N, C-alpha and C. Protein backbone atom coordinates (compact mmCIF):
# COMPACT_ATOMS: atom_id res chain seq x y z
N MET A 1 -12.17 -88.83 38.80
CA MET A 1 -11.39 -87.65 38.96
C MET A 1 -11.28 -86.88 37.95
N ILE A 2 -11.02 -85.63 37.91
CA ILE A 2 -11.48 -84.74 36.92
C ILE A 2 -9.92 -84.13 36.41
N ALA A 3 -9.69 -84.58 34.90
CA ALA A 3 -8.44 -84.37 34.49
C ALA A 3 -8.23 -82.71 34.55
N PHE A 4 -6.97 -82.58 34.74
CA PHE A 4 -6.67 -81.09 34.78
C PHE A 4 -5.85 -80.57 33.22
N ILE A 5 -6.40 -79.63 32.61
CA ILE A 5 -6.01 -79.32 31.18
C ILE A 5 -5.13 -78.01 31.56
N PRO A 6 -3.91 -77.99 31.44
CA PRO A 6 -3.39 -76.86 31.71
C PRO A 6 -3.57 -75.77 30.43
N LYS A 7 -3.66 -74.53 30.75
CA LYS A 7 -3.87 -73.21 29.75
C LYS A 7 -2.60 -72.53 29.63
N LYS A 8 -2.04 -72.19 28.60
CA LYS A 8 -1.06 -71.24 28.10
C LYS A 8 -1.54 -69.75 28.63
N ILE A 9 -0.85 -69.00 29.34
CA ILE A 9 -1.16 -67.77 29.84
C ILE A 9 -0.26 -66.88 28.81
N ASN A 10 -0.81 -65.98 28.21
CA ASN A 10 0.03 -65.17 27.33
C ASN A 10 0.23 -64.03 28.24
N GLN A 11 1.62 -63.80 28.11
CA GLN A 11 1.87 -62.45 28.77
C GLN A 11 2.46 -61.30 27.63
N THR A 12 1.49 -60.51 27.92
CA THR A 12 1.61 -59.27 27.08
C THR A 12 2.63 -58.12 27.21
N GLU A 13 3.37 -57.97 26.40
CA GLU A 13 4.76 -57.05 26.72
C GLU A 13 4.19 -55.83 26.12
N ASN A 14 4.17 -54.76 26.85
CA ASN A 14 3.96 -53.32 26.37
C ASN A 14 4.82 -52.86 25.46
N TRP A 15 4.83 -51.68 24.82
CA TRP A 15 5.52 -51.28 23.58
C TRP A 15 6.70 -50.71 24.30
N GLY A 16 6.65 -50.12 25.69
CA GLY A 16 7.90 -49.55 26.33
C GLY A 16 8.88 -50.87 26.59
N ASP A 17 8.52 -51.64 26.91
CA ASP A 17 9.49 -53.05 27.28
C ASP A 17 9.90 -53.25 25.77
N LYS A 18 8.91 -53.47 24.75
CA LYS A 18 9.60 -53.88 23.08
C LYS A 18 10.64 -52.84 22.87
N LEU A 19 10.45 -51.86 23.15
CA LEU A 19 11.53 -50.76 22.48
C LEU A 19 12.93 -51.14 23.41
N ARG A 20 12.86 -51.19 24.77
CA ARG A 20 13.75 -51.22 25.62
C ARG A 20 14.75 -52.69 25.27
N GLN A 21 13.97 -53.69 25.07
CA GLN A 21 14.40 -54.91 24.62
C GLN A 21 15.23 -55.06 23.13
N ALA A 22 14.54 -54.35 22.29
CA ALA A 22 15.31 -54.04 20.93
C ALA A 22 16.51 -53.30 21.02
N ARG A 23 16.59 -52.13 21.96
CA ARG A 23 17.81 -51.56 22.28
C ARG A 23 18.75 -52.32 22.98
N TYR A 24 18.39 -53.20 23.73
CA TYR A 24 19.30 -54.26 24.54
C TYR A 24 19.93 -54.94 23.60
N SER A 25 19.13 -55.60 22.71
CA SER A 25 19.34 -56.69 21.74
C SER A 25 20.46 -55.98 20.71
N LYS A 26 20.47 -54.59 20.49
CA LYS A 26 21.43 -54.09 19.82
C LYS A 26 22.67 -53.66 20.38
N LYS A 27 22.54 -53.99 21.90
CA LYS A 27 23.54 -53.40 22.61
C LYS A 27 23.92 -51.84 22.31
N LEU A 28 22.90 -51.09 22.67
CA LEU A 28 23.00 -49.77 22.36
C LEU A 28 22.55 -49.07 23.89
N ARG A 29 23.27 -48.05 24.09
CA ARG A 29 22.84 -47.04 25.38
C ARG A 29 22.09 -45.95 24.97
N ILE A 30 21.34 -45.50 25.94
CA ILE A 30 20.35 -44.27 25.69
C ILE A 30 21.41 -43.17 24.93
N GLU A 31 22.56 -43.05 25.39
CA GLU A 31 23.07 -41.74 25.05
C GLU A 31 23.63 -42.12 23.36
N ASP A 32 23.75 -43.39 23.09
CA ASP A 32 24.27 -43.66 21.85
C ASP A 32 23.00 -43.43 20.84
N VAL A 33 21.93 -43.77 21.13
CA VAL A 33 20.67 -43.62 20.40
C VAL A 33 20.36 -42.14 20.30
N SER A 34 20.62 -41.44 21.24
CA SER A 34 20.32 -40.00 21.47
C SER A 34 21.25 -39.31 20.41
N LYS A 35 22.39 -39.66 20.27
CA LYS A 35 23.31 -39.03 19.23
C LYS A 35 22.94 -39.25 17.93
N LYS A 36 22.55 -40.36 17.73
CA LYS A 36 22.25 -40.85 16.41
C LYS A 36 20.69 -40.19 15.74
N ILE A 37 19.89 -40.19 16.79
CA ILE A 37 18.47 -39.79 16.21
C ILE A 37 18.24 -38.09 16.68
N ASN A 38 19.08 -37.53 17.51
CA ASN A 38 19.13 -36.24 17.92
C ASN A 38 17.54 -36.07 18.85
N ILE A 39 17.34 -37.07 19.77
CA ILE A 39 16.44 -36.93 20.63
C ILE A 39 17.08 -36.91 21.98
N ARG A 40 16.67 -36.07 23.02
CA ARG A 40 17.38 -36.03 24.30
C ARG A 40 17.01 -37.51 24.98
N PRO A 41 18.13 -37.69 25.66
CA PRO A 41 18.25 -39.15 26.51
C PRO A 41 16.99 -39.37 27.43
N GLU A 42 16.57 -38.02 28.20
CA GLU A 42 15.33 -38.38 29.14
C GLU A 42 14.05 -38.74 28.21
N TYR A 43 14.08 -37.86 26.91
CA TYR A 43 12.74 -38.30 26.40
C TYR A 43 12.71 -39.94 25.94
N LEU A 44 13.92 -40.33 25.46
CA LEU A 44 14.03 -41.75 25.14
C LEU A 44 13.48 -42.68 26.20
N LEU A 45 14.11 -42.33 27.43
CA LEU A 45 13.78 -42.93 28.61
C LEU A 45 12.24 -42.90 28.90
N ALA A 46 11.64 -41.87 28.78
CA ALA A 46 10.39 -41.67 29.17
C ALA A 46 9.52 -42.50 28.10
N ILE A 47 10.07 -42.67 26.92
CA ILE A 47 9.24 -43.40 25.85
C ILE A 47 9.15 -45.05 26.22
N GLU A 48 10.43 -45.27 26.75
CA GLU A 48 10.57 -46.83 27.07
C GLU A 48 9.75 -46.86 28.68
N ASP A 49 9.49 -46.07 29.33
CA ASP A 49 8.79 -46.26 30.82
C ASP A 49 7.44 -45.85 30.32
N GLU A 50 6.98 -45.38 29.17
CA GLU A 50 5.57 -45.29 28.63
C GLU A 50 5.04 -43.93 29.52
N ARG A 51 5.95 -43.03 30.03
CA ARG A 51 5.44 -41.78 30.57
C ARG A 51 5.44 -40.86 29.45
N PHE A 52 4.17 -40.65 28.90
CA PHE A 52 3.89 -39.80 27.87
C PHE A 52 3.88 -38.39 28.47
N ASP A 53 3.49 -38.08 29.78
CA ASP A 53 3.60 -36.88 30.34
C ASP A 53 4.88 -36.14 30.35
N LYS A 54 5.71 -37.13 30.28
CA LYS A 54 7.28 -36.49 30.31
C LYS A 54 7.63 -35.99 28.87
N LEU A 55 6.92 -36.26 27.97
CA LEU A 55 7.23 -36.00 26.61
C LEU A 55 6.63 -34.49 26.17
N PRO A 56 7.34 -33.88 24.99
CA PRO A 56 6.66 -32.83 24.55
C PRO A 56 5.20 -33.05 24.18
N ALA A 57 4.30 -32.14 24.18
CA ALA A 57 2.88 -32.46 23.92
C ALA A 57 2.83 -32.41 22.48
N GLY A 58 1.87 -33.00 21.82
CA GLY A 58 1.36 -32.95 20.40
C GLY A 58 2.28 -33.57 19.63
N LEU A 59 2.39 -33.43 18.32
CA LEU A 59 3.00 -33.98 17.21
C LEU A 59 4.58 -34.11 17.58
N TYR A 60 5.11 -33.47 18.39
CA TYR A 60 6.59 -33.72 18.61
C TYR A 60 6.94 -34.84 19.45
N GLY A 61 6.11 -35.07 20.61
CA GLY A 61 6.36 -36.43 21.12
C GLY A 61 5.97 -37.81 20.34
N LYS A 62 4.94 -37.58 19.58
CA LYS A 62 4.43 -38.59 18.40
C LYS A 62 5.69 -38.80 17.55
N ASN A 63 6.14 -37.75 17.08
CA ASN A 63 7.27 -38.04 16.11
C ASN A 63 8.54 -38.64 16.89
N PHE A 64 8.70 -38.40 18.21
CA PHE A 64 10.01 -38.99 18.90
C PHE A 64 9.60 -40.49 19.02
N ILE A 65 8.33 -40.92 19.34
CA ILE A 65 7.96 -42.37 19.39
C ILE A 65 8.20 -42.78 17.92
N LYS A 66 7.94 -42.35 17.18
CA LYS A 66 8.02 -42.76 15.67
C LYS A 66 9.63 -43.06 15.20
N GLU A 67 10.26 -42.10 15.47
CA GLU A 67 11.69 -42.12 15.03
C GLU A 67 12.39 -43.07 15.95
N TYR A 68 12.26 -43.23 17.27
CA TYR A 68 12.81 -44.10 17.80
C TYR A 68 12.35 -45.69 17.64
N ALA A 69 11.31 -45.74 17.50
CA ALA A 69 10.85 -47.19 16.81
C ALA A 69 11.41 -47.65 15.49
N SER A 70 11.44 -46.58 14.68
CA SER A 70 12.14 -46.94 13.04
C SER A 70 13.43 -47.06 13.28
N PHE A 71 13.96 -46.39 14.47
CA PHE A 71 15.53 -46.64 14.54
C PHE A 71 15.84 -48.14 14.88
N LEU A 72 14.88 -48.70 15.81
CA LEU A 72 15.27 -49.88 16.37
C LEU A 72 14.63 -51.10 15.40
N GLY A 73 14.26 -50.73 14.25
CA GLY A 73 13.75 -51.55 13.39
C GLY A 73 12.42 -52.19 13.82
N LEU A 74 11.50 -51.52 14.62
CA LEU A 74 10.36 -52.08 15.17
C LEU A 74 9.09 -51.28 14.24
N ASN A 75 7.97 -52.11 14.51
CA ASN A 75 6.83 -51.63 13.48
C ASN A 75 6.27 -50.24 14.04
N ALA A 76 6.69 -49.02 13.81
CA ALA A 76 6.23 -47.63 14.25
C ALA A 76 4.83 -47.44 14.28
N LYS A 77 4.08 -48.27 13.28
CA LYS A 77 2.64 -47.72 13.36
C LYS A 77 1.85 -48.60 14.40
N GLU A 78 2.36 -49.76 14.77
CA GLU A 78 1.80 -50.69 15.65
C GLU A 78 2.07 -49.88 16.93
N ILE A 79 3.42 -49.31 17.13
CA ILE A 79 3.80 -48.76 18.51
C ILE A 79 2.68 -47.54 18.78
N LEU A 80 2.76 -46.67 17.47
CA LEU A 80 1.96 -45.60 17.56
C LEU A 80 0.41 -45.99 18.04
N LYS A 81 -0.19 -46.96 17.42
CA LYS A 81 -1.27 -47.33 17.80
C LYS A 81 -1.73 -47.82 19.37
N ASN A 82 -0.61 -48.23 19.72
CA ASN A 82 -0.68 -48.82 21.09
C ASN A 82 -0.48 -47.44 22.33
N TRP A 83 0.28 -46.57 21.53
CA TRP A 83 0.48 -45.43 22.32
C TRP A 83 -0.72 -44.48 22.40
N SER A 84 -1.55 -44.38 21.30
CA SER A 84 -2.74 -43.63 21.09
C SER A 84 -3.88 -44.40 22.05
N SER A 85 -4.05 -45.62 22.17
CA SER A 85 -4.71 -46.62 22.84
C SER A 85 -4.54 -46.00 24.34
N GLN A 86 -3.30 -45.94 24.89
CA GLN A 86 -3.02 -45.72 26.21
C GLN A 86 -3.39 -44.27 26.47
N ILE A 87 -3.32 -43.37 25.49
CA ILE A 87 -3.48 -42.09 25.88
C ILE A 87 -5.15 -41.93 25.95
N THR A 88 -5.86 -42.59 25.04
CA THR A 88 -7.20 -42.70 25.16
C THR A 88 -7.80 -43.12 26.41
N ALA A 89 -7.15 -44.15 26.90
CA ALA A 89 -7.74 -44.83 28.19
C ALA A 89 -7.40 -43.99 29.54
N THR A 90 -6.30 -43.07 29.20
CA THR A 90 -5.73 -42.32 30.59
C THR A 90 -6.20 -40.94 30.57
N SER A 91 -6.84 -40.51 29.62
CA SER A 91 -7.22 -39.30 29.43
C SER A 91 -8.47 -38.93 28.32
N GLU A 92 -9.34 -38.11 28.64
CA GLU A 92 -10.42 -37.84 28.00
C GLU A 92 -10.02 -36.96 26.95
N GLU A 93 -9.11 -36.14 27.04
CA GLU A 93 -8.77 -35.23 26.13
C GLU A 93 -7.39 -35.74 25.34
N ASP A 94 -7.47 -35.91 24.21
CA ASP A 94 -6.31 -36.20 23.55
C ASP A 94 -5.08 -35.13 23.39
N PRO A 95 -4.10 -34.86 24.09
CA PRO A 95 -3.13 -33.95 24.12
C PRO A 95 -2.46 -33.73 22.59
N PHE A 96 -2.63 -34.70 21.85
CA PHE A 96 -2.20 -34.21 20.33
C PHE A 96 -3.08 -33.40 19.68
N SER A 97 -4.29 -33.35 19.79
CA SER A 97 -5.19 -32.51 19.15
C SER A 97 -5.13 -31.36 20.09
N ARG A 98 -5.03 -31.25 21.61
CA ARG A 98 -4.86 -30.05 22.12
C ARG A 98 -3.70 -29.15 21.80
N LYS A 99 -2.80 -29.82 21.31
CA LYS A 99 -1.50 -29.13 20.69
C LYS A 99 -1.52 -28.48 19.50
N ILE A 100 -2.17 -29.20 18.61
CA ILE A 100 -2.50 -28.96 17.46
C ILE A 100 -3.46 -27.61 17.42
N LEU A 101 -4.33 -27.50 18.43
CA LEU A 101 -5.31 -26.49 18.27
C LEU A 101 -4.39 -25.04 18.87
N ALA A 102 -3.73 -25.30 19.76
CA ALA A 102 -2.87 -24.29 20.18
C ALA A 102 -1.94 -23.60 19.12
N ARG A 103 -1.26 -24.80 18.56
CA ARG A 103 -0.53 -24.40 17.43
C ARG A 103 -1.23 -23.39 16.62
N HIS A 104 -2.44 -24.05 16.15
CA HIS A 104 -3.29 -23.36 15.12
C HIS A 104 -3.51 -21.79 15.71
N LYS A 105 -4.19 -21.74 16.89
CA LYS A 105 -4.38 -20.46 17.24
C LYS A 105 -3.20 -19.44 17.09
N PHE A 106 -1.95 -20.22 17.53
CA PHE A 106 -0.91 -19.32 17.66
C PHE A 106 -0.34 -18.85 16.04
N ILE A 107 -0.59 -19.46 15.14
CA ILE A 107 -0.58 -19.05 13.79
C ILE A 107 -1.23 -18.12 13.25
N ILE A 108 -2.65 -18.29 13.87
CA ILE A 108 -3.67 -17.60 13.24
C ILE A 108 -3.64 -15.92 13.82
N PHE A 109 -2.94 -15.90 15.08
CA PHE A 109 -2.88 -14.50 15.41
C PHE A 109 -1.96 -13.74 14.63
N PRO A 110 -0.60 -14.26 14.44
CA PRO A 110 0.33 -13.48 13.48
C PRO A 110 -0.42 -13.10 12.28
N LYS A 111 -1.19 -13.89 11.63
CA LYS A 111 -1.67 -13.74 10.22
C LYS A 111 -2.69 -12.52 10.20
N ILE A 112 -3.42 -12.64 11.40
CA ILE A 112 -4.34 -11.40 11.66
C ILE A 112 -3.84 -10.02 11.50
N ILE A 113 -2.61 -9.88 12.32
CA ILE A 113 -1.58 -9.00 12.52
C ILE A 113 -1.32 -8.55 11.38
N ARG A 114 -0.62 -9.38 10.56
CA ARG A 114 0.12 -9.27 9.15
C ARG A 114 -1.03 -8.72 8.36
N ASN A 115 -2.30 -9.25 8.30
CA ASN A 115 -3.43 -8.80 7.21
C ASN A 115 -3.66 -7.38 7.56
N LEU A 116 -3.85 -7.01 8.96
CA LEU A 116 -4.24 -5.69 9.49
C LEU A 116 -3.08 -4.61 8.87
N LEU A 117 -1.66 -5.00 8.92
CA LEU A 117 -0.76 -4.15 8.38
C LEU A 117 -0.83 -3.75 6.97
N ILE A 118 -0.98 -5.03 6.40
CA ILE A 118 -1.16 -4.80 4.90
C ILE A 118 -2.28 -4.06 4.45
N ALA A 119 -3.66 -4.33 5.06
CA ALA A 119 -4.65 -3.32 4.92
C ALA A 119 -4.28 -1.99 5.01
N ALA A 120 -3.65 -1.61 6.04
CA ALA A 120 -3.46 -0.49 6.46
C ALA A 120 -2.01 0.27 5.58
N ALA A 121 -1.23 -0.29 5.07
CA ALA A 121 -0.34 0.11 3.97
C ALA A 121 -1.10 0.09 2.85
N ILE A 122 -2.10 -0.39 2.22
CA ILE A 122 -2.60 -0.29 1.20
C ILE A 122 -3.74 0.87 1.28
N ALA A 123 -4.08 1.22 2.32
CA ALA A 123 -5.11 2.36 2.70
C ALA A 123 -4.34 3.62 2.78
N ILE A 124 -3.04 3.71 3.26
CA ILE A 124 -2.10 4.78 3.09
C ILE A 124 -1.77 5.08 1.67
N CYS A 125 -1.32 3.96 0.93
CA CYS A 125 -0.80 4.36 -0.11
C CYS A 125 -2.06 4.82 -1.28
N PHE A 126 -3.39 4.18 -0.99
CA PHE A 126 -4.45 4.78 -1.74
C PHE A 126 -4.78 6.30 -1.38
N LEU A 127 -4.73 6.60 -0.03
CA LEU A 127 -4.92 8.15 0.28
C LEU A 127 -4.01 8.98 -0.44
N TYR A 128 -2.66 8.33 -0.28
CA TYR A 128 -1.55 9.43 -1.01
C TYR A 128 -1.88 9.56 -2.42
N LEU A 129 -2.10 8.46 -3.06
CA LEU A 129 -2.47 8.63 -4.54
C LEU A 129 -3.66 9.63 -4.92
N ILE A 130 -4.66 9.42 -4.03
CA ILE A 130 -5.73 10.54 -4.36
C ILE A 130 -5.38 11.99 -3.86
N PHE A 131 -4.56 12.08 -2.75
CA PHE A 131 -3.86 13.42 -2.45
C PHE A 131 -2.94 13.98 -3.78
N TYR A 132 -2.21 13.21 -4.15
CA TYR A 132 -1.22 13.38 -5.21
C TYR A 132 -2.09 13.80 -6.48
N PHE A 133 -3.02 12.90 -6.74
CA PHE A 133 -3.81 13.11 -8.02
C PHE A 133 -4.65 14.79 -8.14
N LYS A 134 -5.16 14.97 -6.75
CA LYS A 134 -5.87 16.35 -6.48
C LYS A 134 -4.84 17.16 -6.54
N LYS A 135 -3.56 17.17 -6.08
CA LYS A 135 -2.78 18.25 -6.34
C LYS A 135 -2.19 18.47 -7.81
N ILE A 136 -2.18 17.53 -8.39
CA ILE A 136 -1.95 17.57 -9.82
C ILE A 136 -2.94 18.30 -10.85
N ILE A 137 -4.28 17.92 -10.53
CA ILE A 137 -5.38 18.64 -11.21
C ILE A 137 -5.84 19.76 -10.74
N LEU A 138 -5.61 19.98 -9.55
CA LEU A 138 -6.23 21.21 -8.81
C LEU A 138 -5.84 22.65 -9.37
N PRO A 139 -6.19 23.69 -9.73
CA PRO A 139 -5.57 24.76 -10.16
C PRO A 139 -4.77 25.32 -9.37
N PRO A 140 -3.62 26.12 -9.77
CA PRO A 140 -2.85 26.49 -8.78
C PRO A 140 -3.35 27.90 -7.99
N GLN A 141 -2.90 28.06 -6.93
CA GLN A 141 -3.17 29.42 -6.26
C GLN A 141 -2.79 30.59 -7.13
N LEU A 142 -3.37 31.58 -7.00
CA LEU A 142 -3.00 32.99 -7.64
C LEU A 142 -3.51 33.95 -6.93
N MET A 143 -2.52 34.95 -6.71
CA MET A 143 -2.75 36.06 -5.86
C MET A 143 -2.38 37.27 -6.66
N ILE A 144 -3.19 38.25 -6.99
CA ILE A 144 -3.04 39.44 -7.45
C ILE A 144 -2.75 40.58 -6.36
N ILE A 145 -1.30 41.27 -6.54
CA ILE A 145 -1.09 42.03 -5.70
C ILE A 145 -1.33 43.51 -6.15
N ARG A 146 -1.17 43.77 -7.15
CA ARG A 146 -1.71 44.78 -7.86
C ARG A 146 -1.89 44.76 -9.23
N PRO A 147 -2.99 45.21 -9.83
CA PRO A 147 -3.63 46.49 -9.28
C PRO A 147 -4.74 46.07 -8.65
N ALA A 148 -5.56 46.90 -8.05
CA ALA A 148 -6.80 46.64 -7.37
C ALA A 148 -7.85 46.53 -8.19
N ALA A 149 -8.86 46.00 -7.89
CA ALA A 149 -10.20 45.65 -8.69
C ALA A 149 -10.98 46.89 -8.95
N ASN A 150 -11.47 47.09 -10.15
CA ASN A 150 -12.22 48.28 -10.37
C ASN A 150 -11.61 49.42 -10.38
N LEU A 151 -10.34 49.60 -11.15
CA LEU A 151 -9.45 50.63 -10.79
C LEU A 151 -9.73 51.85 -11.85
N ALA A 152 -9.93 53.11 -11.59
CA ALA A 152 -9.98 54.30 -12.78
C ALA A 152 -8.54 54.99 -12.54
N LEU A 153 -7.91 55.35 -13.95
CA LEU A 153 -6.83 56.25 -14.01
C LEU A 153 -6.53 56.69 -15.37
N THR A 154 -5.69 57.60 -15.27
CA THR A 154 -5.63 58.49 -16.69
C THR A 154 -4.14 58.09 -17.23
N GLY A 155 -3.43 57.11 -16.60
CA GLY A 155 -2.19 56.56 -17.45
C GLY A 155 -2.41 55.76 -18.45
N THR A 156 -1.44 55.23 -19.45
CA THR A 156 -1.78 54.51 -20.66
C THR A 156 -1.03 53.11 -20.32
N SER A 157 -0.45 52.85 -19.12
CA SER A 157 0.15 51.50 -18.79
C SER A 157 -0.13 51.50 -17.21
N ILE A 158 0.06 50.01 -16.86
CA ILE A 158 -0.28 49.76 -15.39
C ILE A 158 0.59 48.79 -15.21
N VAL A 159 1.19 48.53 -13.98
CA VAL A 159 2.12 47.16 -13.57
C VAL A 159 1.09 46.16 -12.98
N VAL A 160 1.23 45.15 -13.66
CA VAL A 160 0.68 43.67 -13.10
C VAL A 160 1.51 43.01 -12.10
N SER A 161 1.23 42.71 -10.90
CA SER A 161 2.19 41.84 -10.18
C SER A 161 1.53 40.88 -9.05
N GLY A 162 1.87 39.83 -8.95
CA GLY A 162 1.20 38.91 -8.19
C GLY A 162 2.11 37.62 -7.72
N GLN A 163 1.51 36.67 -7.29
CA GLN A 163 2.26 35.45 -6.77
C GLN A 163 1.24 34.14 -7.21
N THR A 164 2.09 32.97 -7.49
CA THR A 164 1.43 31.78 -7.81
C THR A 164 2.52 30.95 -7.33
N GLU A 165 1.96 29.33 -7.56
CA GLU A 165 3.01 28.52 -7.35
C GLU A 165 4.16 28.27 -8.19
N PRO A 166 5.48 28.16 -7.71
CA PRO A 166 6.83 28.19 -8.67
C PRO A 166 6.46 27.43 -10.11
N GLU A 167 5.94 26.40 -10.04
CA GLU A 167 5.84 25.56 -11.13
C GLU A 167 4.64 26.08 -12.28
N ALA A 168 3.84 27.00 -11.85
CA ALA A 168 2.62 27.22 -12.83
C ALA A 168 3.18 28.23 -13.67
N GLU A 169 2.49 28.37 -14.91
CA GLU A 169 2.79 28.94 -16.10
C GLU A 169 1.93 30.16 -15.92
N ILE A 170 2.30 31.35 -15.95
CA ILE A 170 1.43 32.73 -15.84
C ILE A 170 1.24 33.22 -17.30
N LYS A 171 0.00 33.74 -17.56
CA LYS A 171 -0.38 34.56 -18.82
C LYS A 171 -0.80 35.63 -18.54
N ILE A 172 -0.75 36.95 -19.02
CA ILE A 172 -1.40 37.87 -18.71
C ILE A 172 -2.11 38.26 -20.28
N ASN A 173 -3.22 38.41 -20.36
CA ASN A 173 -3.83 38.63 -21.87
C ASN A 173 -3.20 37.68 -22.78
N GLY A 174 -3.07 36.45 -22.57
CA GLY A 174 -2.67 35.65 -23.58
C GLY A 174 -1.07 35.51 -23.46
N GLU A 175 -0.58 36.44 -22.92
CA GLU A 175 1.00 36.33 -23.36
C GLU A 175 1.53 35.83 -22.05
N ILE A 176 2.69 34.75 -22.07
CA ILE A 176 3.50 34.19 -21.01
C ILE A 176 4.07 35.39 -20.25
N VAL A 177 4.25 35.22 -18.95
CA VAL A 177 4.90 36.04 -17.96
C VAL A 177 5.83 35.12 -17.32
N LEU A 178 7.21 35.63 -17.18
CA LEU A 178 8.00 34.67 -16.28
C LEU A 178 7.56 35.00 -14.93
N ASN A 179 8.08 33.91 -14.03
CA ASN A 179 7.90 34.15 -12.65
C ASN A 179 9.24 33.57 -11.94
N ASN A 180 9.63 34.17 -10.43
CA ASN A 180 10.76 33.67 -10.07
C ASN A 180 10.44 32.31 -9.35
N HIS A 181 11.64 32.13 -8.80
CA HIS A 181 11.60 30.80 -7.84
C HIS A 181 10.56 30.67 -6.71
N ASN A 182 10.19 31.77 -6.44
CA ASN A 182 8.93 31.91 -5.37
C ASN A 182 7.69 32.01 -5.79
N GLY A 183 7.54 32.19 -7.14
CA GLY A 183 6.42 32.39 -7.77
C GLY A 183 5.84 33.95 -8.09
N TYR A 184 6.93 34.65 -7.60
CA TYR A 184 6.25 36.08 -7.89
C TYR A 184 6.63 36.34 -9.37
N PHE A 185 5.78 37.52 -9.75
CA PHE A 185 5.71 37.83 -11.34
C PHE A 185 5.46 39.37 -11.00
N ASP A 186 5.82 39.99 -12.11
CA ASP A 186 5.85 41.45 -12.22
C ASP A 186 5.77 41.69 -13.90
N GLN A 187 4.81 42.53 -14.26
CA GLN A 187 4.81 42.76 -15.94
C GLN A 187 3.73 43.87 -16.02
N THR A 188 4.42 44.87 -17.11
CA THR A 188 3.95 46.31 -17.28
C THR A 188 2.73 45.98 -18.41
N VAL A 189 1.68 46.47 -18.18
CA VAL A 189 0.64 46.15 -19.14
C VAL A 189 0.21 47.58 -19.95
N ASN A 190 0.31 47.73 -21.27
CA ASN A 190 -0.20 48.75 -21.98
C ASN A 190 -1.75 48.90 -22.00
N LEU A 191 -2.34 49.95 -21.78
CA LEU A 191 -3.83 50.27 -21.69
C LEU A 191 -4.09 51.20 -22.87
N LYS A 192 -5.46 51.24 -23.01
CA LYS A 192 -6.13 51.99 -24.07
C LYS A 192 -7.25 52.76 -23.39
N LYS A 193 -7.56 53.89 -23.73
CA LYS A 193 -8.82 54.58 -23.37
C LYS A 193 -10.22 53.88 -23.24
N GLY A 194 -10.68 54.10 -22.14
CA GLY A 194 -11.85 53.40 -22.10
C GLY A 194 -11.64 51.88 -21.32
N LEU A 195 -12.51 51.12 -21.15
CA LEU A 195 -12.73 50.00 -20.13
C LEU A 195 -11.56 49.00 -20.68
N ASN A 196 -10.69 48.65 -20.00
CA ASN A 196 -9.54 47.64 -20.22
C ASN A 196 -9.78 46.24 -19.34
N ASN A 197 -9.97 44.98 -19.66
CA ASN A 197 -9.93 43.94 -19.09
C ASN A 197 -8.63 43.52 -19.15
N ILE A 198 -8.04 43.03 -18.07
CA ILE A 198 -6.60 42.28 -17.79
C ILE A 198 -6.84 40.97 -17.19
N ILE A 199 -6.39 40.03 -17.89
CA ILE A 199 -7.10 38.64 -17.67
C ILE A 199 -5.53 37.93 -17.08
N ILE A 200 -5.60 37.37 -16.00
CA ILE A 200 -4.22 36.86 -15.60
C ILE A 200 -4.71 35.19 -15.07
N THR A 201 -3.93 34.52 -15.75
CA THR A 201 -4.22 33.06 -15.79
C THR A 201 -3.03 32.44 -15.19
N ALA A 202 -3.11 31.23 -14.58
CA ALA A 202 -2.15 30.45 -13.95
C ALA A 202 -2.41 28.93 -14.07
N LYS A 203 -1.30 28.25 -14.41
CA LYS A 203 -1.84 26.96 -14.93
C LYS A 203 -0.58 25.95 -14.62
N LYS A 204 -0.80 24.81 -14.14
CA LYS A 204 0.36 23.66 -14.01
C LYS A 204 0.15 22.75 -15.30
N LYS A 205 1.09 21.80 -15.51
CA LYS A 205 1.26 21.07 -16.75
C LYS A 205 -0.12 20.38 -16.86
N TYR A 206 -0.72 19.45 -15.71
CA TYR A 206 -1.91 18.91 -15.87
C TYR A 206 -3.16 19.49 -15.21
N SER A 207 -3.07 20.54 -14.66
CA SER A 207 -4.10 20.90 -13.63
C SER A 207 -5.15 22.14 -14.56
N ARG A 208 -5.91 22.38 -13.99
CA ARG A 208 -7.21 23.38 -14.43
C ARG A 208 -6.59 24.65 -14.39
N GLU A 209 -7.13 25.55 -14.85
CA GLU A 209 -6.73 26.93 -15.02
C GLU A 209 -7.38 27.89 -13.93
N GLN A 210 -6.22 28.61 -13.49
CA GLN A 210 -6.84 29.72 -12.30
C GLN A 210 -6.79 31.09 -13.19
N THR A 211 -7.96 31.59 -13.22
CA THR A 211 -8.12 32.93 -13.86
C THR A 211 -8.68 34.20 -12.94
N ILE A 212 -8.00 35.13 -13.06
CA ILE A 212 -8.56 36.30 -12.21
C ILE A 212 -8.44 37.58 -13.23
N ILE A 213 -9.63 38.49 -13.39
CA ILE A 213 -9.77 39.14 -14.10
C ILE A 213 -10.00 40.90 -13.33
N ARG A 214 -8.94 41.61 -13.95
CA ARG A 214 -9.00 43.15 -13.32
C ARG A 214 -9.36 44.00 -14.48
N GLN A 215 -10.45 44.97 -14.02
CA GLN A 215 -10.89 45.79 -15.14
C GLN A 215 -10.50 47.28 -14.76
N ILE A 216 -9.76 47.81 -15.58
CA ILE A 216 -9.27 49.00 -15.55
C ILE A 216 -9.88 50.21 -16.49
N LEU A 217 -10.59 51.30 -15.86
CA LEU A 217 -11.08 52.26 -16.72
C LEU A 217 -9.93 53.45 -16.84
N VAL A 218 -9.90 53.76 -18.31
CA VAL A 218 -8.79 54.88 -18.45
C VAL A 218 -9.78 56.02 -19.12
N ASP A 219 -9.34 57.29 -18.56
CA ASP A 219 -9.98 58.52 -18.77
C ASP A 219 -9.32 59.17 -20.16
């Protein structure tokens, strides 16, 4: 007769049951735990039932499990290890990595927009500085209303009038002439017999000089 040797059968308890038993042993209701660790009751029940599809995808669900296990005094690392093993067995794609990838793309998109806006602002400022710099160094506009060019007359004086930019300084033959708030100026210039050169210049503080010459012949 063959002797029968009994073997002890190990009944493995899944991690969801461990969490539930730990809660029972502390005489805690799901609602009590929910208030203490700020996790919704339905998520806590999903953790105990090992229904990871009912949990938020990615790191949120993983952190819920970690917080719940730590609160009950269980080994959170071991629970998470079992959790990861179950996910790997039931799905070829790890939802944790999928969530991280989606979040990464979500973060990159606003960064691209922000960088484009910053680049556009820098370009606008750069163009404005170029325009402002040119405006400073360019010679002012100068228009001579009278006298006309290559004029011959018999008088000993002539009125020189014209217009320039209001902030420009006007000189006629080296002498400063006042202009009004619209840039108009008017000045009488004495002439001598023969050929007279009337040199009108306009210049702003940092700009180049604008020059117009009128030649007047006096008989």
